Amino acid sequence: MLKKYYISKNARSNGDHEIHAELCMFLPQVDNRQFLGKFISCTDAMVEAKKHYFSANGCKRCSENCRTQ
């Protein structure tokens, strides 16, 4: 099943822009997120996210499989 994924526009204190699935409790407010597309997994969403932000990282809650730290 495809999920909508977003990336935060504002970086965290460590410089990461986190990717989130549409129902994540940590999904940023509308003005602080960019729609990445619909994907089967966070791995596919991460490929798209890296086109926008080199320092993209998965959310520890909804995209843990794509988290590098």
N, C-alpha and C. Protein backbone atom coordinates (compact mmCIF):
# COMPACT_ATOMS: atom_id res chain seq x y z
N MET A 1 0.83 -1.18 0.00
CA MET A 1 0.00 0.00 0.00
C MET A 1 0.88 1.25 0.00
N LEU A 2 0.55 2.19 -0.83
CA LEU A 2 1.32 3.43 -0.92
C LEU A 2 0.95 4.37 0.22
N LYS A 3 1.98 5.03 0.76
CA LYS A 3 1.80 6.05 1.79
C LYS A 3 2.33 7.36 1.25
N LYS A 4 1.74 8.45 1.71
CA LYS A 4 2.26 9.78 1.39
C LYS A 4 3.42 10.06 2.34
N TYR A 5 4.51 10.59 1.78
CA TYR A 5 5.67 10.95 2.58
C TYR A 5 5.99 12.43 2.40
N TYR A 6 6.49 13.01 3.49
CA TYR A 6 6.85 14.42 3.54
C TYR A 6 8.24 14.56 4.14
N ILE A 7 8.88 15.70 3.85
CA ILE A 7 10.15 16.01 4.48
C ILE A 7 10.02 17.37 5.15
N SER A 8 10.63 17.50 6.31
CA SER A 8 10.59 18.78 7.01
C SER A 8 11.49 19.79 6.30
N LYS A 9 10.99 21.00 6.15
CA LYS A 9 11.77 22.06 5.50
C LYS A 9 12.84 22.59 6.45
N ASN A 10 12.53 22.66 7.72
CA ASN A 10 13.48 23.15 8.71
C ASN A 10 14.30 21.99 9.26
N ALA A 11 15.60 22.17 9.27
CA ALA A 11 16.49 21.12 9.78
C ALA A 11 16.43 21.05 11.30
N ARG A 12 16.68 19.87 11.82
CA ARG A 12 16.82 19.69 13.27
C ARG A 12 18.15 20.30 13.71
N SER A 13 18.41 20.31 14.98
CA SER A 13 19.65 20.91 15.49
C SER A 13 20.90 20.23 14.96
N ASN A 14 20.78 18.97 14.55
CA ASN A 14 21.93 18.24 14.00
C ASN A 14 22.06 18.41 12.48
N GLY A 15 21.17 19.19 11.88
CA GLY A 15 21.23 19.46 10.45
C GLY A 15 20.37 18.56 9.58
N ASP A 16 19.75 17.55 10.18
CA ASP A 16 18.91 16.62 9.42
C ASP A 16 17.53 17.19 9.11
N HIS A 17 17.06 16.87 7.91
CA HIS A 17 15.68 17.12 7.52
C HIS A 17 15.00 15.76 7.55
N GLU A 18 14.03 15.56 8.42
CA GLU A 18 13.42 14.25 8.60
C GLU A 18 12.28 13.98 7.64
N ILE A 19 12.21 12.72 7.19
CA ILE A 19 11.07 12.29 6.38
C ILE A 19 10.05 11.63 7.29
N HIS A 20 8.78 11.86 6.96
CA HIS A 20 7.67 11.35 7.77
C HIS A 20 6.59 10.79 6.86
N ALA A 21 5.95 9.73 7.32
CA ALA A 21 4.76 9.21 6.66
C ALA A 21 3.58 10.09 7.07
N GLU A 22 2.54 10.06 6.27
CA GLU A 22 1.42 10.99 6.43
C GLU A 22 0.71 10.94 7.78
N LEU A 23 0.71 9.82 8.47
CA LEU A 23 0.00 9.71 9.74
C LEU A 23 0.92 9.78 10.95
N CYS A 24 2.16 10.17 10.77
CA CYS A 24 3.13 10.23 11.86
C CYS A 24 2.73 11.30 12.88
N MET A 25 2.88 10.97 14.15
CA MET A 25 2.55 11.94 15.19
C MET A 25 3.55 13.10 15.23
N PHE A 26 4.70 12.95 14.58
CA PHE A 26 5.71 14.01 14.52
C PHE A 26 5.73 14.74 13.18
N LEU A 27 4.72 14.53 12.35
CA LEU A 27 4.62 15.20 11.06
C LEU A 27 4.62 16.71 11.28
N PRO A 28 5.53 17.44 10.62
CA PRO A 28 5.59 18.90 10.80
C PRO A 28 4.32 19.59 10.32
N GLN A 29 4.13 20.81 10.79
CA GLN A 29 3.00 21.62 10.36
C GLN A 29 3.08 21.83 8.84
N VAL A 30 1.97 22.15 8.24
CA VAL A 30 1.87 22.29 6.78
C VAL A 30 2.91 23.26 6.22
N ASP A 31 3.18 24.35 6.90
CA ASP A 31 4.13 25.34 6.39
C ASP A 31 5.58 24.92 6.56
N ASN A 32 5.82 23.81 7.27
CA ASN A 32 7.18 23.32 7.47
C ASN A 32 7.38 21.93 6.88
N ARG A 33 6.66 21.59 5.85
CA ARG A 33 6.86 20.28 5.22
C ARG A 33 6.68 20.38 3.72
N GLN A 34 7.35 19.47 3.04
CA GLN A 34 7.28 19.39 1.58
C GLN A 34 6.85 17.99 1.21
N PHE A 35 5.87 17.89 0.35
CA PHE A 35 5.37 16.60 -0.11
C PHE A 35 6.42 15.95 -1.01
N LEU A 36 6.77 14.71 -0.70
CA LEU A 36 7.74 13.97 -1.51
C LEU A 36 7.07 13.09 -2.55
N GLY A 37 5.90 12.57 -2.22
CA GLY A 37 5.19 11.67 -3.12
C GLY A 37 4.61 10.50 -2.36
N LYS A 38 4.06 9.55 -3.11
CA LYS A 38 3.50 8.32 -2.54
C LYS A 38 4.48 7.19 -2.83
N PHE A 39 4.82 6.45 -1.78
CA PHE A 39 5.81 5.38 -1.90
C PHE A 39 5.39 4.16 -1.10
N ILE A 40 5.93 3.02 -1.49
CA ILE A 40 5.67 1.78 -0.77
C ILE A 40 6.41 1.75 0.56
N SER A 41 7.60 2.35 0.58
CA SER A 41 8.42 2.31 1.80
C SER A 41 9.18 3.60 1.97
N CYS A 42 9.74 3.78 3.17
CA CYS A 42 10.55 4.96 3.43
C CYS A 42 11.84 4.93 2.61
N THR A 43 12.27 3.76 2.20
CA THR A 43 13.48 3.65 1.38
C THR A 43 13.29 4.39 0.06
N ASP A 44 12.16 4.20 -0.57
CA ASP A 44 11.86 4.91 -1.82
C ASP A 44 11.69 6.41 -1.57
N ALA A 45 11.06 6.75 -0.44
CA ALA A 45 10.89 8.16 -0.09
C ALA A 45 12.24 8.82 0.17
N MET A 46 13.16 8.08 0.74
CA MET A 46 14.50 8.62 1.03
C MET A 46 15.24 8.97 -0.25
N VAL A 47 15.09 8.18 -1.28
CA VAL A 47 15.72 8.47 -2.57
C VAL A 47 15.25 9.83 -3.08
N GLU A 48 13.95 10.07 -3.00
CA GLU A 48 13.39 11.36 -3.42
C GLU A 48 13.84 12.48 -2.49
N ALA A 49 13.85 12.23 -1.20
CA ALA A 49 14.24 13.25 -0.23
C ALA A 49 15.66 13.74 -0.45
N LYS A 50 16.56 12.83 -0.80
CA LYS A 50 17.97 13.19 -1.03
C LYS A 50 18.14 14.12 -2.23
N LYS A 51 17.15 14.17 -3.10
CA LYS A 51 17.19 15.10 -4.23
C LYS A 51 16.98 16.54 -3.76
N HIS A 52 16.33 16.69 -2.60
CA HIS A 52 15.99 18.01 -2.07
C HIS A 52 16.93 18.43 -0.94
N TYR A 53 17.28 17.48 -0.09
CA TYR A 53 18.13 17.76 1.08
C TYR A 53 19.14 16.63 1.24
N PHE A 54 20.41 16.96 1.12
CA PHE A 54 21.46 15.96 1.26
C PHE A 54 21.41 15.30 2.64
N SER A 55 21.03 16.07 3.64
CA SER A 55 21.02 15.58 5.02
C SER A 55 19.67 15.01 5.44
N ALA A 56 18.94 14.39 4.52
CA ALA A 56 17.66 13.77 4.85
C ALA A 56 17.89 12.54 5.72
N ASN A 57 16.98 12.32 6.66
CA ASN A 57 17.07 11.19 7.57
C ASN A 57 15.65 10.74 7.91
N GLY A 58 15.48 9.48 8.25
CA GLY A 58 14.17 8.96 8.61
C GLY A 58 13.75 9.33 10.01
N CYS A 59 12.48 9.53 10.20
CA CYS A 59 11.91 9.80 11.52
C CYS A 59 12.06 8.56 12.39
N LYS A 60 12.42 8.76 13.66
CA LYS A 60 12.60 7.62 14.56
C LYS A 60 11.29 6.89 14.85
N ARG A 61 10.17 7.52 14.57
CA ARG A 61 8.87 6.93 14.87
C ARG A 61 8.25 6.22 13.66
N CYS A 62 8.23 6.90 12.52
CA CYS A 62 7.48 6.35 11.37
C CYS A 62 8.38 5.84 10.24
N SER A 63 9.66 6.18 10.26
CA SER A 63 10.57 5.78 9.19
C SER A 63 11.89 5.27 9.75
N GLU A 64 11.77 4.50 10.81
CA GLU A 64 12.96 4.02 11.53
C GLU A 64 13.90 3.21 10.65
N ASN A 65 13.37 2.47 9.70
CA ASN A 65 14.22 1.66 8.80
C ASN A 65 15.12 2.53 7.94
N CYS A 66 14.80 3.80 7.81
CA CYS A 66 15.60 4.72 6.98
C CYS A 66 16.42 5.69 7.84
N ARG A 67 16.43 5.49 9.12
CA ARG A 67 17.16 6.37 10.03
C ARG A 67 18.62 5.94 10.09
N THR A 68 19.51 6.92 9.95
CA THR A 68 20.94 6.60 9.95
C THR A 68 21.60 6.86 11.30
N GLN A 69 20.92 7.51 12.22
CA GLN A 69 21.51 7.80 13.53
C GLN A 69 20.63 7.30 14.63
